[in-house]
Amino acid sequence: MKHLLSLLLAATSLVAYAKEDPAHRKAMIDQHKAIAAAHEAAAQCLAAGKDEETCHAELAKACKGLAIGKLCGAKHKH
């Protein structure tokens, strides 16, 4: 029980640190901006009349290594 409590306390401390660390906060802001830019480019691609397959391929390329999933983690129904 002591070990579980210690582990929970340590995890809570790490989460609190991550929330308050300015470098982490800036990195998250930059990541969200990059994801938003990739999705905005995909929307513009579709608005330009290109087919969905082409626009999704461009989005997948822009999202590689940026977020979870090949389309930056975004899922929606069609």
PDB file of N, CA and C in Angstrom:
ATOM      1  N   MET A   1       0.823  -1.192   0.000  1.00  0.00           N
ATOM      2  CA  MET A   1       0.000   0.000   0.000  1.00  0.00           C
ATOM      3  C   MET A   1       0.873   1.263   0.000  1.00  0.00           C
ATOM      4  N   LYS A   2       1.986   1.209   0.788  1.00  0.00           N
ATOM      5  CA  LYS A   2       2.893   2.352   0.828  1.00  0.00           C
ATOM      6  C   LYS A   2       3.460   2.647  -0.553  1.00  0.00           C
ATOM      7  N   HIS A   3       3.815   1.574  -1.266  1.00  0.00           N
ATOM      8  CA  HIS A   3       4.422   1.740  -2.588  1.00  0.00           C
ATOM      9  C   HIS A   3       3.427   2.338  -3.574  1.00  0.00           C
ATOM     10  N   LEU A   4       2.190   1.919  -3.487  1.00  0.00           N
ATOM     11  CA  LEU A   4       1.156   2.453  -4.374  1.00  0.00           C
ATOM     12  C   LEU A   4       0.946   3.935  -4.108  1.00  0.00           C
ATOM     13  N   LEU A   5       0.885   4.295  -2.837  1.00  0.00           N
ATOM     14  CA  LEU A   5       0.713   5.695  -2.476  1.00  0.00           C
ATOM     15  C   LEU A   5       1.894   6.534  -2.960  1.00  0.00           C
ATOM     16  N   SER A   6       3.098   6.006  -2.783  1.00  0.00           N
ATOM     17  CA  SER A   6       4.297   6.715  -3.248  1.00  0.00           C
ATOM     18  C   SER A   6       4.278   6.896  -4.760  1.00  0.00           C
ATOM     19  N   LEU A   7       3.868   5.865  -5.464  1.00  0.00           N
ATOM     20  CA  LEU A   7       3.799   5.927  -6.923  1.00  0.00           C
ATOM     21  C   LEU A   7       2.775   6.958  -7.376  1.00  0.00           C
ATOM     22  N   LEU A   8       1.623   6.965  -6.738  1.00  0.00           N
ATOM     23  CA  LEU A   8       0.588   7.943  -7.086  1.00  0.00           C
ATOM     24  C   LEU A   8       1.050   9.363  -6.793  1.00  0.00           C
ATOM     25  N   LEU A   9       1.718   9.543  -5.691  1.00  0.00           N
ATOM     26  CA  LEU A   9       2.230  10.860  -5.334  1.00  0.00           C
ATOM     27  C   LEU A   9       3.266  11.332  -6.351  1.00  0.00           C
ATOM     28  N   ALA A  10       4.150  10.438  -6.757  1.00  0.00           N
ATOM     29  CA  ALA A  10       5.169  10.783  -7.752  1.00  0.00           C
ATOM     30  C   ALA A  10       4.526  11.121  -9.092  1.00  0.00           C
ATOM     31  N   ALA A  11       3.545  10.343  -9.502  1.00  0.00           N
ATOM     32  CA  ALA A  11       2.853  10.603 -10.773  1.00  0.00           C
ATOM     33  C   ALA A  11       2.146  11.947 -10.732  1.00  0.00           C
ATOM     34  N   THR A  12       1.509  12.256  -9.622  1.00  0.00           N
ATOM     35  CA  THR A  12       0.820  13.535  -9.473  1.00  0.00           C
ATOM     36  C   THR A  12       1.808  14.693  -9.557  1.00  0.00           C
ATOM     37  N   SER A  13       2.967  14.520  -8.944  1.00  0.00           N
ATOM     38  CA  SER A  13       3.995  15.562  -8.993  1.00  0.00           C
ATOM     39  C   SER A  13       4.474  15.797 -10.411  1.00  0.00           C
ATOM     40  N   LEU A  14       4.659  14.728 -11.178  1.00  0.00           N
ATOM     41  CA  LEU A  14       5.101  14.861 -12.567  1.00  0.00           C
ATOM     42  C   LEU A  14       4.057  15.569 -13.414  1.00  0.00           C
ATOM     43  N   VAL A  15       2.802  15.238 -13.209  1.00  0.00           N
ATOM     44  CA  VAL A  15       1.726  15.887 -13.968  1.00  0.00           C
ATOM     45  C   VAL A  15       1.682  17.369 -13.624  1.00  0.00           C
ATOM     46  N   ALA A  16       1.792  17.703 -12.349  1.00  0.00           N
ATOM     47  CA  ALA A  16       1.792  19.108 -11.940  1.00  0.00           C
ATOM     48  C   ALA A  16       2.974  19.844 -12.550  1.00  0.00           C
ATOM     49  N   TYR A  17       4.151  19.203 -12.586  1.00  0.00           N
ATOM     50  CA  TYR A  17       5.329  19.820 -13.179  1.00  0.00           C
ATOM     51  C   TYR A  17       5.120  20.055 -14.670  1.00  0.00           C
ATOM     52  N   ALA A  18       4.566  19.067 -15.360  1.00  0.00           N
ATOM     53  CA  ALA A  18       4.355  19.191 -16.801  1.00  0.00           C
ATOM     54  C   ALA A  18       3.400  20.330 -17.117  1.00  0.00           C
ATOM     55  N   LYS A  19       2.404  20.534 -16.270  1.00  0.00           N
ATOM     56  CA  LYS A  19       1.436  21.602 -16.506  1.00  0.00           C
ATOM     57  C   LYS A  19       2.064  22.976 -16.320  1.00  0.00           C
ATOM     58  N   GLU A  20       3.043  23.080 -15.431  1.00  0.00           N
ATOM     59  CA  GLU A  20       3.610  24.376 -15.109  1.00  0.00           C
ATOM     60  C   GLU A  20       4.928  24.659 -15.804  1.00  0.00           C
ATOM     61  N   ASP A  21       5.513  23.687 -16.460  1.00  0.00           N
ATOM     62  CA  ASP A  21       6.784  23.876 -17.125  1.00  0.00           C
ATOM     63  C   ASP A  21       6.576  24.724 -18.379  1.00  0.00           C
ATOM     64  N   PRO A  22       7.147  25.922 -18.439  1.00  0.00           N
ATOM     65  CA  PRO A  22       6.952  26.802 -19.593  1.00  0.00           C
ATOM     66  C   PRO A  22       7.427  26.194 -20.915  1.00  0.00           C
ATOM     67  N   ALA A  23       8.512  25.450 -20.889  1.00  0.00           N
ATOM     68  CA  ALA A  23       9.014  24.837 -22.123  1.00  0.00           C
ATOM     69  C   ALA A  23       8.037  23.787 -22.639  1.00  0.00           C
ATOM     70  N   HIS A  24       7.482  22.996 -21.730  1.00  0.00           N
ATOM     71  CA  HIS A  24       6.489  21.984 -22.125  1.00  0.00           C
ATOM     72  C   HIS A  24       5.240  22.669 -22.681  1.00  0.00           C
ATOM     73  N   ARG A  25       4.804  23.704 -22.008  1.00  0.00           N
ATOM     74  CA  ARG A  25       3.613  24.448 -22.450  1.00  0.00           C
ATOM     75  C   ARG A  25       3.823  25.012 -23.856  1.00  0.00           C
ATOM     76  N   LYS A  26       4.992  25.610 -24.096  1.00  0.00           N
ATOM     77  CA  LYS A  26       5.280  26.167 -25.423  1.00  0.00           C
ATOM     78  C   LYS A  26       5.319  25.066 -26.477  1.00  0.00           C
ATOM     79  N   ALA A  27       5.906  23.934 -26.130  1.00  0.00           N
ATOM     80  CA  ALA A  27       5.965  22.811 -27.073  1.00  0.00           C
ATOM     81  C   ALA A  27       4.559  22.333 -27.434  1.00  0.00           C
ATOM     82  N   MET A  28       3.669  22.269 -26.454  1.00  0.00           N
ATOM     83  CA  MET A  28       2.287  21.835 -26.721  1.00  0.00           C
ATOM     84  C   MET A  28       1.560  22.853 -27.592  1.00  0.00           C
ATOM     85  N   ILE A  29       1.770  24.122 -27.322  1.00  0.00           N
ATOM     86  CA  ILE A  29       1.151  25.177 -28.132  1.00  0.00           C
ATOM     87  C   ILE A  29       1.636  25.072 -29.574  1.00  0.00           C
ATOM     88  N   ASP A  30       2.942  24.919 -29.750  1.00  0.00           N
ATOM     89  CA  ASP A  30       3.516  24.805 -31.100  1.00  0.00           C
ATOM     90  C   ASP A  30       2.987  23.571 -31.821  1.00  0.00           C
ATOM     91  N   GLN A  31       2.859  22.459 -31.084  1.00  0.00           N
ATOM     92  CA  GLN A  31       2.343  21.233 -31.696  1.00  0.00           C
ATOM     93  C   GLN A  31       0.894  21.417 -32.152  1.00  0.00           C
ATOM     94  N   HIS A  32       0.073  22.024 -31.316  1.00  0.00           N
ATOM     95  CA  HIS A  32      -1.321  22.251 -31.690  1.00  0.00           C
ATOM     96  C   HIS A  32      -1.432  23.188 -32.895  1.00  0.00           C
ATOM     97  N   LYS A  33      -0.579  24.191 -32.943  1.00  0.00           N
ATOM     98  CA  LYS A  33      -0.579  25.096 -34.097  1.00  0.00           C
ATOM     99  C   LYS A  33      -0.193  24.351 -35.373  1.00  0.00           C
ATOM    100  N   ALA A  34       0.782  23.465 -35.276  1.00  0.00           N
ATOM    101  CA  ALA A  34       1.215  22.695 -36.449  1.00  0.00           C
ATOM    102  C   ALA A  34       0.101  21.758 -36.917  1.00  0.00           C
ATOM    103  N   ILE A  35      -0.585  21.137 -35.979  1.00  0.00           N
ATOM    104  CA  ILE A  35      -1.708  20.250 -36.337  1.00  0.00           C
ATOM    105  C   ILE A  35      -2.811  21.062 -36.996  1.00  0.00           C
ATOM    106  N   ALA A  36      -3.111  22.228 -36.427  1.00  0.00           N
ATOM    107  CA  ALA A  36      -4.150  23.095 -36.996  1.00  0.00           C
ATOM    108  C   ALA A  36      -3.776  23.541 -38.409  1.00  0.00           C
ATOM    109  N   ALA A  37      -2.510  23.871 -38.612  1.00  0.00           N
ATOM    110  CA  ALA A  37      -2.049  24.295 -39.941  1.00  0.00           C
ATOM    111  C   ALA A  37      -2.190  23.159 -40.948  1.00  0.00           C
ATOM    112  N   ALA A  38      -1.872  21.939 -40.526  1.00  0.00           N
ATOM    113  CA  ALA A  38      -2.001  20.788 -41.425  1.00  0.00           C
ATOM    114  C   ALA A  38      -3.465  20.577 -41.811  1.00  0.00           C
ATOM    115  N   HIS A  39      -4.368  20.723 -40.852  1.00  0.00           N
ATOM    116  CA  HIS A  39      -5.790  20.546 -41.147  1.00  0.00           C
ATOM    117  C   HIS A  39      -6.343  21.705 -41.982  1.00  0.00           C
ATOM    118  N   GLU A  40      -5.857  22.900 -41.747  1.00  0.00           N
ATOM    119  CA  GLU A  40      -6.283  24.046 -42.558  1.00  0.00           C
ATOM    120  C   GLU A  40      -5.844  23.836 -44.016  1.00  0.00           C
ATOM    121  N   ALA A  41      -4.635  23.331 -44.210  1.00  0.00           N
ATOM    122  CA  ALA A  41      -4.155  23.057 -45.567  1.00  0.00           C
ATOM    123  C   ALA A  41      -5.019  21.983 -46.235  1.00  0.00           C
ATOM    124  N   ALA A  42      -5.445  20.976 -45.457  1.00  0.00           N
ATOM    125  CA  ALA A  42      -6.315  19.933 -46.014  1.00  0.00           C
ATOM    126  C   ALA A  42      -7.668  20.517 -46.404  1.00  0.00           C
ATOM    127  N   ALA A  43      -8.192  21.412 -45.584  1.00  0.00           N
ATOM    128  CA  ALA A  43      -9.471  22.057 -45.905  1.00  0.00           C
ATOM    129  C   ALA A  43      -9.347  22.908 -47.171  1.00  0.00           C
ATOM    130  N   GLN A  44      -8.248  23.619 -47.295  1.00  0.00           N
ATOM    131  CA  GLN A  44      -8.022  24.437 -48.491  1.00  0.00           C
ATOM    132  C   GLN A  44      -7.858  23.560 -49.725  1.00  0.00           C
ATOM    133  N   CYS A  45      -7.223  22.416 -49.553  1.00  0.00           N
ATOM    134  CA  CYS A  45      -7.054  21.459 -50.643  1.00  0.00           C
ATOM    135  C   CYS A  45      -8.418  21.010 -51.163  1.00  0.00           C
ATOM    136  N   LEU A  46      -9.287  20.634 -50.227  1.00  0.00           N
ATOM    137  CA  LEU A  46     -10.639  20.197 -50.613  1.00  0.00           C
ATOM    138  C   LEU A  46     -11.429  21.346 -51.230  1.00  0.00           C
ATOM    139  N   ALA A  47     -11.296  22.538 -50.644  1.00  0.00           N
ATOM    140  CA  ALA A  47     -12.011  23.711 -51.169  1.00  0.00           C
ATOM    141  C   ALA A  47     -11.553  24.064 -52.581  1.00  0.00           C
ATOM    142  N   ALA A  48     -10.315  23.716 -52.899  1.00  0.00           N
ATOM    143  CA  ALA A  48      -9.772  23.991 -54.228  1.00  0.00           C
ATOM    144  C   ALA A  48     -10.287  22.999 -55.272  1.00  0.00           C
ATOM    145  N   GLY A  49     -11.074  22.012 -54.807  1.00  0.00           N
ATOM    146  CA  GLY A  49     -11.668  21.071 -55.744  1.00  0.00           C
ATOM    147  C   GLY A  49     -10.885  19.784 -55.933  1.00  0.00           C
ATOM    148  N   LYS A  50      -9.802  19.628 -55.180  1.00  0.00           N
ATOM    149  CA  LYS A  50      -9.044  18.382 -55.288  1.00  0.00           C
ATOM    150  C   LYS A  50      -9.839  17.261 -54.621  1.00  0.00           C
ATOM    151  N   ASP A  51      -9.579  16.030 -55.040  1.00  0.00           N
ATOM    152  CA  ASP A  51     -10.313  14.903 -54.473  1.00  0.00           C
ATOM    153  C   ASP A  51      -9.824  14.583 -53.062  1.00  0.00           C
ATOM    154  N   GLU A  52     -10.692  13.939 -52.302  1.00  0.00           N
ATOM    155  CA  GLU A  52     -10.410  13.625 -50.905  1.00  0.00           C
ATOM    156  C   GLU A  52      -9.160  12.761 -50.745  1.00  0.00           C
ATOM    157  N   GLU A  53      -8.961  11.829 -51.643  1.00  0.00           N
ATOM    158  CA  GLU A  53      -7.792  10.945 -51.560  1.00  0.00           C
ATOM    159  C   GLU A  53      -6.492  11.747 -51.643  1.00  0.00           C
ATOM    160  N   THR A  54      -6.443  12.689 -52.554  1.00  0.00           N
ATOM    161  CA  THR A  54      -5.262  13.537 -52.711  1.00  0.00           C
ATOM    162  C   THR A  54      -5.023  14.392 -51.469  1.00  0.00           C
ATOM    163  N   CYS A  55      -6.092  15.012 -50.974  1.00  0.00           N
ATOM    164  CA  CYS A  55      -5.976  15.893 -49.808  1.00  0.00           C
ATOM    165  C   CYS A  55      -5.595  15.113 -48.557  1.00  0.00           C
ATOM    166  N   HIS A  56      -6.147  13.905 -48.406  1.00  0.00           N
ATOM    167  CA  HIS A  56      -5.786  13.079 -47.257  1.00  0.00           C
ATOM    168  C   HIS A  56      -4.333  12.611 -47.361  1.00  0.00           C
ATOM    169  N   ALA A  57      -3.864  12.360 -48.556  1.00  0.00           N
ATOM    170  CA  ALA A  57      -2.465  11.963 -48.736  1.00  0.00           C
ATOM    171  C   ALA A  57      -1.536  13.110 -48.330  1.00  0.00           C
ATOM    172  N   GLU A  58      -1.894  14.329 -48.713  1.00  0.00           N
ATOM    173  CA  GLU A  58      -1.098  15.498 -48.324  1.00  0.00           C
ATOM    174  C   GLU A  58      -1.150  15.708 -46.810  1.00  0.00           C
ATOM    175  N   LEU A  59      -2.327  15.503 -46.213  1.00  0.00           N
ATOM    176  CA  LEU A  59      -2.477  15.634 -44.768  1.00  0.00           C
ATOM    177  C   LEU A  59      -1.645  14.577 -44.047  1.00  0.00           C
ATOM    178  N   ALA A  60      -1.671  13.361 -44.548  1.00  0.00           N
ATOM    179  CA  ALA A  60      -0.892  12.285 -43.931  1.00  0.00           C
ATOM    180  C   ALA A  60       0.596  12.617 -43.962  1.00  0.00           C
ATOM    181  N   LYS A  61       1.058  13.197 -45.053  1.00  0.00           N
ATOM    182  CA  LYS A  61       2.467  13.573 -45.170  1.00  0.00           C
ATOM    183  C   LYS A  61       2.801  14.688 -44.171  1.00  0.00           C
ATOM    184  N   ALA A  62       1.905  15.663 -44.037  1.00  0.00           N
ATOM    185  CA  ALA A  62       2.133  16.775 -43.115  1.00  0.00           C
ATOM    186  C   ALA A  62       2.087  16.321 -41.655  1.00  0.00           C
ATOM    187  N   CYS A  63       1.318  15.280 -41.377  1.00  0.00           N
ATOM    188  CA  CYS A  63       1.136  14.810 -39.998  1.00  0.00           C
ATOM    189  C   CYS A  63       2.175  13.795 -39.554  1.00  0.00           C
ATOM    190  N   LYS A  64       2.968  13.299 -40.477  1.00  0.00           N
ATOM    191  CA  LYS A  64       3.934  12.250 -40.122  1.00  0.00           C
ATOM    192  C   LYS A  64       4.860  12.741 -39.009  1.00  0.00           C
ATOM    193  N   GLY A  65       4.848  12.017 -37.892  1.00  0.00           N
ATOM    194  CA  GLY A  65       5.674  12.370 -36.750  1.00  0.00           C
ATOM    195  C   GLY A  65       5.147  13.513 -35.908  1.00  0.00           C
ATOM    196  N   LEU A  66       3.995  14.059 -36.269  1.00  0.00           N
ATOM    197  CA  LEU A  66       3.452  15.218 -35.565  1.00  0.00           C
ATOM    198  C   LEU A  66       2.460  14.828 -34.473  1.00  0.00           C
ATOM    199  N   ALA A  67       1.608  13.855 -34.777  1.00  0.00           N
ATOM    200  CA  ALA A  67       0.566  13.468 -33.828  1.00  0.00           C
ATOM    201  C   ALA A  67       0.201  12.006 -34.040  1.00  0.00           C
ATOM    202  N   ILE A  68      -0.695  11.516 -33.225  1.00  0.00           N
ATOM    203  CA  ILE A  68      -1.125  10.124 -33.306  1.00  0.00           C
ATOM    204  C   ILE A  68      -2.038   9.938 -34.511  1.00  0.00           C
ATOM    205  N   GLY A  69      -1.811   8.891 -35.257  1.00  0.00           N
ATOM    206  CA  GLY A  69      -2.645   8.597 -36.418  1.00  0.00           C
ATOM    207  C   GLY A  69      -2.125   9.278 -37.662  1.00  0.00           C
ATOM    208  N   LYS A  70      -2.454   8.704 -38.791  1.00  0.00           N
ATOM    209  CA  LYS A  70      -1.897   9.251 -40.027  1.00  0.00           C
ATOM    210  C   LYS A  70      -2.523  10.580 -40.438  1.00  0.00           C
ATOM    211  N   LEU A  71      -3.651  10.943 -39.823  1.00  0.00           N
ATOM    212  CA  LEU A  71      -4.288  12.225 -40.132  1.00  0.00           C
ATOM    213  C   LEU A  71      -4.299  13.132 -38.903  1.00  0.00           C
ATOM    214  N   CYS A  72      -3.235  13.102 -38.148  1.00  0.00           N
ATOM    215  CA  CYS A  72      -3.072  13.893 -36.928  1.00  0.00           C
ATOM    216  C   CYS A  72      -4.123  13.585 -35.876  1.00  0.00           C
ATOM    217  N   GLY A  73      -4.545  12.352 -35.812  1.00  0.00           N
ATOM    218  CA  GLY A  73      -5.458  11.944 -34.774  1.00  0.00           C
ATOM    219  C   GLY A  73      -6.897  12.391 -34.953  1.00  0.00           C
ATOM    220  N   ALA A  74      -7.223  12.996 -36.059  1.00  0.00           N
ATOM    221  CA  ALA A  74      -8.581  13.476 -36.265  1.00  0.00           C
ATOM    222  C   ALA A  74      -9.429  12.398 -36.918  1.00  0.00           C
ATOM    223  N   LYS A  75     -10.568  12.167 -36.354  1.00  0.00           N
ATOM    224  CA  LYS A  75     -11.506  11.213 -36.938  1.00  0.00           C
ATOM    225  C   LYS A  75     -12.867  11.892 -37.025  1.00  0.00           C
ATOM    226  N   HIS A  76     -13.500  11.717 -38.140  1.00  0.00           N
ATOM    227  CA  HIS A  76     -14.860  12.237 -38.265  1.00  0.00           C
ATOM    228  C   HIS A  76     -15.618  11.342 -39.213  1.00  0.00           C
ATOM    229  N   LYS A  77     -16.907  11.420 -39.170  1.00  0.00           N
ATOM    230  CA  LYS A  77     -17.703  10.545 -40.017  1.00  0.00           C
ATOM    231  C   LYS A  77     -17.940  11.198 -41.366  1.00  0.00           C
ATOM    232  N   HIS A  78     -18.181  10.355 -42.344  1.00  0.00           N
ATOM    233  CA  HIS A  78     -18.506  10.829 -43.697  1.00  0.00           C
ATOM    234  C   HIS A  78     -19.855  10.308 -44.078  1.00  0.00           C
TER     235      HIS A  78
END
